[in-house]
N, C-alpha and C. Protein backbone atom coordinates (compact mmCIF):
# COMPACT_ATOMS: atom_id res chain seq x y z
N MET A 1 -38.73 82.53 -28.22
CA MET A 1 -38.81 83.75 -29.01
C MET A 1 -37.56 84.60 -28.74
N GLU A 2 -36.96 85.04 -29.80
CA GLU A 2 -35.74 85.84 -29.70
C GLU A 2 -36.05 87.21 -29.10
N GLN A 3 -35.30 87.60 -28.07
CA GLN A 3 -35.47 88.91 -27.45
C GLN A 3 -34.23 89.75 -27.72
N ASN A 4 -34.45 91.05 -27.85
CA ASN A 4 -33.35 91.98 -28.06
C ASN A 4 -33.18 92.83 -26.81
N PHE A 5 -31.92 93.12 -26.47
CA PHE A 5 -31.60 93.94 -25.31
C PHE A 5 -30.61 95.01 -25.73
N LYS A 6 -30.73 96.19 -25.12
CA LYS A 6 -29.76 97.26 -25.31
C LYS A 6 -29.04 97.42 -23.98
N ILE A 7 -27.73 97.35 -24.01
CA ILE A 7 -26.91 97.44 -22.81
C ILE A 7 -26.15 98.76 -22.84
N LYS A 8 -26.29 99.53 -21.75
CA LYS A 8 -25.57 100.79 -21.62
C LYS A 8 -24.51 100.61 -20.54
N VAL A 9 -23.26 100.87 -20.87
CA VAL A 9 -22.15 100.67 -19.94
C VAL A 9 -21.56 102.04 -19.59
N ASN A 10 -21.51 102.33 -18.28
CA ASN A 10 -20.93 103.59 -17.78
C ASN A 10 -21.51 104.83 -18.46
N ASP A 11 -22.80 104.82 -18.76
CA ASP A 11 -23.51 105.94 -19.37
C ASP A 11 -22.90 106.44 -20.67
N SER A 12 -22.09 105.62 -21.34
CA SER A 12 -21.49 106.13 -22.57
C SER A 12 -21.46 105.10 -23.70
N PHE A 13 -21.25 103.85 -23.40
CA PHE A 13 -21.08 102.83 -24.43
C PHE A 13 -22.35 101.99 -24.54
N TYR A 14 -22.85 101.82 -25.76
CA TYR A 14 -24.05 101.03 -25.98
C TYR A 14 -23.71 99.78 -26.77
N ASN A 15 -24.41 98.71 -26.48
CA ASN A 15 -24.26 97.48 -27.24
C ASN A 15 -25.61 96.79 -27.30
N ASN A 16 -25.88 96.12 -28.39
CA ASN A 16 -27.12 95.38 -28.56
C ASN A 16 -26.83 93.89 -28.46
N PHE A 17 -27.70 93.18 -27.75
CA PHE A 17 -27.57 91.75 -27.61
C PHE A 17 -28.90 91.09 -27.94
N LYS A 18 -28.82 89.89 -28.42
CA LYS A 18 -30.00 89.05 -28.59
C LYS A 18 -29.91 87.97 -27.52
N SER A 19 -31.04 87.39 -27.17
CA SER A 19 -31.03 86.34 -26.16
C SER A 19 -30.16 85.17 -26.62
N SER A 20 -30.09 84.92 -27.93
CA SER A 20 -29.24 83.82 -28.43
C SER A 20 -27.76 84.13 -28.22
N ASP A 21 -27.37 85.43 -28.28
CA ASP A 21 -25.97 85.81 -28.02
C ASP A 21 -25.59 85.48 -26.58
N ILE A 22 -26.50 85.77 -25.68
CA ILE A 22 -26.25 85.53 -24.26
C ILE A 22 -26.17 84.03 -23.98
N ASN A 23 -27.04 83.26 -24.64
CA ASN A 23 -27.05 81.81 -24.43
C ASN A 23 -25.80 81.13 -24.97
N GLU A 24 -25.10 81.77 -25.89
CA GLU A 24 -23.89 81.20 -26.47
C GLU A 24 -22.64 81.41 -25.61
N LEU A 25 -22.74 82.26 -24.58
CA LEU A 25 -21.60 82.49 -23.71
C LEU A 25 -21.27 81.23 -22.92
N ASP A 26 -20.00 80.99 -22.70
CA ASP A 26 -19.55 79.87 -21.87
C ASP A 26 -19.40 80.41 -20.45
N VAL A 27 -20.39 80.12 -19.59
CA VAL A 27 -20.45 80.70 -18.25
C VAL A 27 -20.40 79.60 -17.20
N ILE A 28 -19.55 79.82 -16.19
CA ILE A 28 -19.50 78.93 -15.03
C ILE A 28 -19.81 79.78 -13.81
N LYS A 29 -20.85 79.40 -13.08
CA LYS A 29 -21.24 80.12 -11.87
C LYS A 29 -20.36 79.61 -10.72
N LEU A 30 -19.57 80.51 -10.14
CA LEU A 30 -18.66 80.14 -9.07
C LEU A 30 -19.30 80.32 -7.69
N SER A 31 -20.17 81.32 -7.57
CA SER A 31 -20.92 81.58 -6.34
C SER A 31 -22.15 82.38 -6.72
N LYS A 32 -22.87 82.87 -5.72
CA LYS A 32 -24.08 83.64 -6.00
C LYS A 32 -23.80 84.87 -6.85
N SER A 33 -22.64 85.49 -6.68
CA SER A 33 -22.35 86.73 -7.39
C SER A 33 -21.08 86.67 -8.25
N LYS A 34 -20.42 85.52 -8.33
CA LYS A 34 -19.18 85.42 -9.10
C LYS A 34 -19.36 84.41 -10.24
N PHE A 35 -18.81 84.79 -11.41
CA PHE A 35 -18.92 83.96 -12.60
C PHE A 35 -17.59 83.97 -13.35
N HIS A 36 -17.35 82.91 -14.10
CA HIS A 36 -16.21 82.87 -15.02
C HIS A 36 -16.82 82.72 -16.41
N VAL A 37 -16.44 83.63 -17.33
CA VAL A 37 -17.02 83.65 -18.67
C VAL A 37 -15.91 83.56 -19.70
N ILE A 38 -16.14 82.75 -20.72
CA ILE A 38 -15.25 82.71 -21.87
C ILE A 38 -16.06 83.14 -23.07
N ASN A 39 -15.57 84.19 -23.76
CA ASN A 39 -16.24 84.70 -24.94
C ASN A 39 -15.18 85.03 -25.98
N ASN A 40 -15.33 84.52 -27.18
CA ASN A 40 -14.36 84.72 -28.26
C ASN A 40 -12.95 84.36 -27.82
N HIS A 41 -12.82 83.24 -27.14
CA HIS A 41 -11.54 82.70 -26.67
C HIS A 41 -10.85 83.60 -25.65
N LYS A 42 -11.61 84.48 -25.00
CA LYS A 42 -11.06 85.33 -23.95
C LYS A 42 -11.75 84.98 -22.64
N SER A 43 -10.96 84.99 -21.56
CA SER A 43 -11.45 84.61 -20.24
C SER A 43 -11.74 85.86 -19.40
N PHE A 44 -12.88 85.84 -18.68
CA PHE A 44 -13.28 86.97 -17.85
C PHE A 44 -13.75 86.47 -16.49
N ASP A 45 -13.25 87.11 -15.42
CA ASP A 45 -13.78 86.87 -14.08
C ASP A 45 -14.75 88.00 -13.79
N ILE A 46 -16.00 87.65 -13.49
CA ILE A 46 -17.04 88.65 -13.30
C ILE A 46 -17.66 88.50 -11.92
N LYS A 47 -17.83 89.65 -11.26
CA LYS A 47 -18.48 89.67 -9.95
C LYS A 47 -19.57 90.74 -9.99
N ILE A 48 -20.76 90.37 -9.53
CA ILE A 48 -21.85 91.33 -9.44
C ILE A 48 -21.70 92.05 -8.10
N GLU A 49 -21.34 93.32 -8.14
CA GLU A 49 -21.12 94.11 -6.93
C GLU A 49 -22.43 94.61 -6.33
N LYS A 50 -23.34 95.06 -7.21
CA LYS A 50 -24.61 95.62 -6.76
C LYS A 50 -25.64 95.38 -7.86
N SER A 51 -26.86 95.04 -7.46
CA SER A 51 -27.91 94.85 -8.46
C SER A 51 -29.21 95.49 -8.00
N ASP A 52 -29.87 96.16 -8.94
CA ASP A 52 -31.20 96.73 -8.70
C ASP A 52 -32.08 96.20 -9.81
N PHE A 53 -32.74 95.07 -9.53
CA PHE A 53 -33.52 94.36 -10.53
C PHE A 53 -34.65 95.23 -11.07
N LEU A 54 -35.31 96.00 -10.20
CA LEU A 54 -36.45 96.82 -10.65
C LEU A 54 -36.02 97.90 -11.64
N LYS A 55 -34.86 98.51 -11.40
CA LYS A 55 -34.38 99.55 -12.30
C LYS A 55 -33.51 98.99 -13.41
N LYS A 56 -33.24 97.69 -13.37
CA LYS A 56 -32.40 97.00 -14.36
C LYS A 56 -31.01 97.62 -14.42
N GLU A 57 -30.46 97.93 -13.25
CA GLU A 57 -29.13 98.51 -13.15
C GLU A 57 -28.23 97.61 -12.31
N TYR A 58 -27.00 97.44 -12.76
CA TYR A 58 -26.06 96.56 -12.09
C TYR A 58 -24.68 97.20 -12.07
N ILE A 59 -23.94 96.93 -11.03
CA ILE A 59 -22.52 97.30 -11.01
C ILE A 59 -21.77 95.98 -10.99
N ILE A 60 -20.94 95.77 -12.00
CA ILE A 60 -20.20 94.53 -12.10
C ILE A 60 -18.71 94.82 -12.15
N GLN A 61 -17.95 93.85 -11.71
CA GLN A 61 -16.49 93.93 -11.78
C GLN A 61 -16.04 92.88 -12.78
N VAL A 62 -15.34 93.33 -13.82
CA VAL A 62 -14.82 92.42 -14.84
C VAL A 62 -13.31 92.53 -14.82
N ASN A 63 -12.66 91.43 -14.45
CA ASN A 63 -11.19 91.42 -14.36
C ASN A 63 -10.66 92.64 -13.62
N SER A 64 -11.20 92.92 -12.44
CA SER A 64 -10.80 94.01 -11.54
C SER A 64 -11.20 95.42 -11.98
N ASN A 65 -11.99 95.57 -13.04
CA ASN A 65 -12.49 96.87 -13.48
C ASN A 65 -14.00 96.93 -13.22
N ASN A 66 -14.47 98.03 -12.62
CA ASN A 66 -15.90 98.18 -12.33
C ASN A 66 -16.63 98.87 -13.48
N TYR A 67 -17.86 98.39 -13.75
CA TYR A 67 -18.71 98.94 -14.79
C TYR A 67 -20.14 99.05 -14.27
N THR A 68 -20.80 100.15 -14.64
CA THR A 68 -22.23 100.30 -14.34
C THR A 68 -22.99 99.91 -15.59
N ILE A 69 -23.88 98.93 -15.45
CA ILE A 69 -24.61 98.38 -16.59
C ILE A 69 -26.09 98.69 -16.43
N LYS A 70 -26.72 99.19 -17.49
CA LYS A 70 -28.17 99.41 -17.53
C LYS A 70 -28.70 98.60 -18.70
N ILE A 71 -29.72 97.80 -18.45
CA ILE A 71 -30.27 96.90 -19.46
C ILE A 71 -31.67 97.36 -19.84
N SER A 72 -31.93 97.45 -21.14
CA SER A 72 -33.27 97.77 -21.65
C SER A 72 -33.73 96.64 -22.55
N ASN A 73 -34.97 96.20 -22.35
CA ASN A 73 -35.51 95.20 -23.24
C ASN A 73 -36.36 95.89 -24.32
N GLN A 74 -37.02 95.11 -25.17
CA GLN A 74 -37.77 95.69 -26.28
C GLN A 74 -38.88 96.62 -25.79
N LEU A 75 -39.56 96.26 -24.70
CA LEU A 75 -40.63 97.10 -24.18
C LEU A 75 -40.07 98.43 -23.65
N ASP A 76 -38.95 98.38 -22.94
CA ASP A 76 -38.33 99.61 -22.43
C ASP A 76 -37.96 100.54 -23.59
N ILE A 77 -37.42 99.98 -24.65
CA ILE A 77 -37.01 100.77 -25.81
C ILE A 77 -38.23 101.39 -26.48
N LEU A 78 -39.30 100.61 -26.63
CA LEU A 78 -40.53 101.12 -27.24
C LEU A 78 -41.14 102.26 -26.43
N ILE A 79 -41.17 102.10 -25.11
CA ILE A 79 -41.72 103.15 -24.24
C ILE A 79 -40.91 104.43 -24.40
N LYS A 80 -39.60 104.32 -24.47
CA LYS A 80 -38.76 105.51 -24.63
C LYS A 80 -38.98 106.15 -25.99
N GLU A 81 -39.11 105.33 -27.05
CA GLU A 81 -39.35 105.86 -28.39
C GLU A 81 -40.69 106.56 -28.48
N MET A 82 -41.67 106.13 -27.69
CA MET A 82 -43.00 106.74 -27.69
C MET A 82 -43.02 108.05 -26.90
N GLY A 83 -41.92 108.37 -26.24
CA GLY A 83 -41.82 109.62 -25.50
C GLY A 83 -42.39 109.54 -24.10
N LEU A 84 -42.65 108.34 -23.64
CA LEU A 84 -43.14 108.18 -22.27
C LEU A 84 -41.95 108.04 -21.35
N SER A 85 -42.00 108.72 -20.22
CA SER A 85 -40.85 108.70 -19.33
C SER A 85 -41.21 108.08 -18.00
N ILE A 86 -40.21 107.75 -17.22
CA ILE A 86 -40.43 107.22 -15.88
C ILE A 86 -41.14 108.26 -15.04
N GLY A 87 -40.85 109.54 -15.25
CA GLY A 87 -41.50 110.60 -14.49
C GLY A 87 -43.01 110.58 -14.63
N SER A 88 -43.51 110.26 -15.81
CA SER A 88 -44.96 110.22 -16.00
C SER A 88 -45.55 109.01 -15.30
N ALA A 89 -44.79 107.94 -15.19
CA ALA A 89 -45.28 106.75 -14.50
C ALA A 89 -45.39 106.99 -13.00
N LYS A 90 -44.66 107.95 -12.46
CA LYS A 90 -44.68 108.23 -11.04
C LYS A 90 -46.01 108.83 -10.59
N LYS A 91 -46.85 109.28 -11.53
CA LYS A 91 -48.13 109.89 -11.20
C LYS A 91 -49.22 108.85 -10.99
N ILE A 92 -48.87 107.59 -11.05
CA ILE A 92 -49.85 106.53 -10.85
C ILE A 92 -50.36 106.60 -9.42
N ASN A 93 -51.69 106.59 -9.28
CA ASN A 93 -52.29 106.65 -7.95
C ASN A 93 -53.04 105.39 -7.58
N ASP A 94 -52.96 104.37 -8.41
CA ASP A 94 -53.59 103.11 -8.06
C ASP A 94 -52.86 101.95 -8.73
N ILE A 95 -53.11 100.78 -8.20
CA ILE A 95 -52.54 99.55 -8.75
C ILE A 95 -53.70 98.71 -9.22
N LYS A 96 -53.67 98.35 -10.52
CA LYS A 96 -54.70 97.50 -11.09
C LYS A 96 -54.06 96.15 -11.45
N ALA A 97 -54.88 95.12 -11.44
CA ALA A 97 -54.39 93.78 -11.74
C ALA A 97 -53.87 93.72 -13.18
N PRO A 98 -52.60 93.30 -13.35
CA PRO A 98 -52.06 93.21 -14.70
C PRO A 98 -52.58 91.99 -15.46
N MET A 99 -53.17 91.04 -14.72
CA MET A 99 -53.70 89.80 -15.30
C MET A 99 -54.65 89.17 -14.28
N PRO A 100 -55.53 88.28 -14.72
CA PRO A 100 -56.39 87.61 -13.75
C PRO A 100 -55.56 86.66 -12.87
N GLY A 101 -55.96 86.51 -11.62
CA GLY A 101 -55.22 85.62 -10.75
C GLY A 101 -55.76 85.57 -9.34
N LEU A 102 -55.01 84.88 -8.49
CA LEU A 102 -55.36 84.66 -7.09
C LEU A 102 -54.41 85.49 -6.22
N ILE A 103 -54.96 86.23 -5.27
CA ILE A 103 -54.14 87.01 -4.34
C ILE A 103 -53.63 86.07 -3.26
N LEU A 104 -52.31 85.83 -3.23
CA LEU A 104 -51.71 84.96 -2.22
C LEU A 104 -51.48 85.70 -0.91
N SER A 105 -51.06 86.96 -1.01
CA SER A 105 -50.85 87.75 0.21
C SER A 105 -50.91 89.23 -0.10
N VAL A 106 -51.37 89.99 0.88
CA VAL A 106 -51.36 91.45 0.82
C VAL A 106 -50.38 91.89 1.90
N ASN A 107 -49.32 92.56 1.49
CA ASN A 107 -48.22 92.87 2.41
C ASN A 107 -48.27 94.27 3.01
N VAL A 108 -49.36 95.02 2.74
CA VAL A 108 -49.48 96.38 3.25
C VAL A 108 -50.85 96.57 3.89
N LYS A 109 -50.97 97.68 4.65
CA LYS A 109 -52.24 98.05 5.30
C LYS A 109 -52.60 99.47 4.90
N GLU A 110 -53.88 99.81 5.04
CA GLU A 110 -54.31 101.17 4.75
C GLU A 110 -53.60 102.14 5.69
N LYS A 111 -53.28 103.31 5.16
CA LYS A 111 -52.56 104.40 5.87
C LYS A 111 -51.07 104.10 6.07
N GLN A 112 -50.58 102.97 5.58
CA GLN A 112 -49.16 102.61 5.72
C GLN A 112 -48.32 103.39 4.71
N LYS A 113 -47.19 103.93 5.18
CA LYS A 113 -46.23 104.59 4.30
C LYS A 113 -45.40 103.50 3.62
N ILE A 114 -45.20 103.65 2.32
CA ILE A 114 -44.42 102.66 1.57
C ILE A 114 -43.39 103.37 0.70
N LYS A 115 -42.37 102.62 0.32
CA LYS A 115 -41.29 103.13 -0.53
C LYS A 115 -41.41 102.52 -1.92
N GLU A 116 -40.88 103.22 -2.90
CA GLU A 116 -40.85 102.71 -4.27
C GLU A 116 -40.12 101.37 -4.30
N GLY A 117 -40.70 100.40 -4.99
CA GLY A 117 -40.10 99.08 -5.11
C GLY A 117 -40.50 98.10 -4.02
N GLU A 118 -41.15 98.59 -2.96
CA GLU A 118 -41.60 97.72 -1.88
C GLU A 118 -42.72 96.81 -2.39
N THR A 119 -42.67 95.54 -2.00
CA THR A 119 -43.69 94.58 -2.45
C THR A 119 -45.01 94.86 -1.75
N LEU A 120 -46.05 95.10 -2.56
CA LEU A 120 -47.38 95.40 -2.04
C LEU A 120 -48.20 94.12 -1.85
N LEU A 121 -48.08 93.20 -2.82
CA LEU A 121 -48.87 91.98 -2.77
C LEU A 121 -48.23 90.92 -3.65
N ILE A 122 -48.68 89.68 -3.45
CA ILE A 122 -48.24 88.57 -4.30
C ILE A 122 -49.47 88.07 -5.04
N LEU A 123 -49.38 88.05 -6.37
CA LEU A 123 -50.46 87.61 -7.24
C LEU A 123 -50.03 86.34 -7.95
N GLU A 124 -50.81 85.27 -7.80
CA GLU A 124 -50.52 84.04 -8.52
C GLU A 124 -51.32 84.04 -9.81
N ALA A 125 -50.61 83.91 -10.92
CA ALA A 125 -51.26 83.87 -12.23
C ALA A 125 -50.50 82.88 -13.10
N MET A 126 -51.22 82.05 -13.78
CA MET A 126 -50.63 81.02 -14.66
C MET A 126 -49.58 80.20 -13.90
N LYS A 127 -49.91 79.83 -12.67
CA LYS A 127 -49.07 78.98 -11.81
C LYS A 127 -47.73 79.62 -11.46
N MET A 128 -47.65 80.95 -11.56
CA MET A 128 -46.43 81.67 -11.18
C MET A 128 -46.78 82.72 -10.15
N GLU A 129 -45.89 82.92 -9.18
CA GLU A 129 -46.08 83.97 -8.18
C GLU A 129 -45.45 85.25 -8.70
N ASN A 130 -46.23 86.34 -8.69
CA ASN A 130 -45.78 87.64 -9.18
C ASN A 130 -45.82 88.64 -8.04
N ALA A 131 -44.67 89.19 -7.69
CA ALA A 131 -44.60 90.22 -6.65
C ALA A 131 -44.95 91.55 -7.31
N ILE A 132 -46.00 92.19 -6.83
CA ILE A 132 -46.41 93.49 -7.36
C ILE A 132 -45.81 94.56 -6.46
N ALA A 133 -44.94 95.39 -7.03
CA ALA A 133 -44.20 96.38 -6.26
C ALA A 133 -44.80 97.77 -6.44
N SER A 134 -44.53 98.63 -5.48
CA SER A 134 -45.01 100.00 -5.54
C SER A 134 -44.21 100.78 -6.59
N PRO A 135 -44.91 101.54 -7.45
CA PRO A 135 -44.21 102.32 -8.46
C PRO A 135 -43.65 103.64 -7.92
N LYS A 136 -44.00 103.96 -6.65
CA LYS A 136 -43.54 105.23 -6.09
C LYS A 136 -43.59 105.18 -4.57
N ASP A 137 -42.97 106.17 -3.93
CA ASP A 137 -43.13 106.36 -2.49
C ASP A 137 -44.54 106.91 -2.27
N GLY A 138 -45.16 106.55 -1.17
CA GLY A 138 -46.49 107.08 -0.91
C GLY A 138 -47.12 106.47 0.32
N VAL A 139 -48.44 106.69 0.42
CA VAL A 139 -49.23 106.18 1.53
C VAL A 139 -50.41 105.41 0.93
N ILE A 140 -50.69 104.24 1.48
CA ILE A 140 -51.80 103.43 1.00
C ILE A 140 -53.11 104.08 1.46
N LYS A 141 -54.00 104.37 0.51
CA LYS A 141 -55.30 104.97 0.83
C LYS A 141 -56.34 103.88 1.07
N THR A 142 -56.52 102.99 0.09
CA THR A 142 -57.54 101.95 0.17
C THR A 142 -57.02 100.66 -0.44
N ILE A 143 -57.36 99.54 0.21
CA ILE A 143 -57.04 98.21 -0.32
C ILE A 143 -58.36 97.55 -0.69
N HIS A 144 -58.49 97.17 -1.95
CA HIS A 144 -59.74 96.61 -2.47
C HIS A 144 -59.71 95.09 -2.60
N ILE A 145 -58.65 94.45 -2.13
CA ILE A 145 -58.48 93.00 -2.28
C ILE A 145 -58.20 92.35 -0.94
N LYS A 146 -58.32 91.04 -0.90
CA LYS A 146 -58.01 90.27 0.30
C LYS A 146 -57.22 89.03 -0.09
N SER A 147 -56.37 88.55 0.82
CA SER A 147 -55.66 87.30 0.59
C SER A 147 -56.67 86.19 0.35
N GLY A 148 -56.40 85.38 -0.66
CA GLY A 148 -57.30 84.28 -1.00
C GLY A 148 -58.35 84.66 -2.02
N GLY A 149 -58.49 85.96 -2.29
CA GLY A 149 -59.47 86.43 -3.27
C GLY A 149 -58.91 86.36 -4.68
N THR A 150 -59.78 86.55 -5.64
CA THR A 150 -59.35 86.55 -7.04
C THR A 150 -59.56 87.93 -7.64
N VAL A 151 -58.83 88.21 -8.71
CA VAL A 151 -58.97 89.47 -9.43
C VAL A 151 -59.01 89.19 -10.93
N GLU A 152 -59.65 90.09 -11.64
CA GLU A 152 -59.67 90.05 -13.09
C GLU A 152 -58.70 91.10 -13.62
N LYS A 153 -58.26 90.95 -14.85
CA LYS A 153 -57.34 91.92 -15.44
C LYS A 153 -57.96 93.30 -15.41
N GLY A 154 -57.18 94.30 -14.94
CA GLY A 154 -57.62 95.67 -14.88
C GLY A 154 -58.41 96.03 -13.63
N GLU A 155 -58.67 95.06 -12.76
CA GLU A 155 -59.43 95.32 -11.55
C GLU A 155 -58.58 96.14 -10.57
N LEU A 156 -59.21 97.16 -9.96
CA LEU A 156 -58.53 98.01 -8.99
C LEU A 156 -58.19 97.20 -7.74
N MET A 157 -56.92 97.23 -7.34
CA MET A 157 -56.48 96.47 -6.17
C MET A 157 -56.11 97.39 -5.01
N ILE A 158 -55.30 98.42 -5.28
CA ILE A 158 -54.80 99.32 -4.22
C ILE A 158 -54.81 100.75 -4.74
N GLU A 159 -55.21 101.69 -3.87
CA GLU A 159 -55.17 103.12 -4.19
C GLU A 159 -54.17 103.82 -3.28
N PHE A 160 -53.47 104.82 -3.82
CA PHE A 160 -52.55 105.65 -3.04
C PHE A 160 -53.22 106.97 -2.70
N GLU A 161 -52.78 107.61 -1.60
CA GLU A 161 -53.27 108.96 -1.26
C GLU A 161 -52.63 109.97 -2.15
């Protein structure tokens, strides 16, 4: 299925990409963070300087020039168009199962202080491991799940104070 992405470069330049556009790039992976790309008969040396997968923000170096890249997918764009902001998501006080699955591990304890983005648990669903991260800084109030247990979609798993 074709996906659309909006790319924001240095908080000023926007560009739209389709997944097929990205797949057409001639890319050679040189190392974990270095790539050589040929696009429209032009050669580019690219290095990923910093990446924040959860926030979809990256700092890349292209031919010795640094750029800050922010990527939005169709869901991100829809949420913004609906007027929902990240600030409203920070008011979440519990974590519910996004899908039915098996709890592989619970990485936190009650009364534990946690940071935004910290992995709370690993949920196996559809033969894939999904790391469920904290949406905010906080303290764990109650854990309603156990490793090896199962959950249904929407089931309460963790509560914050």
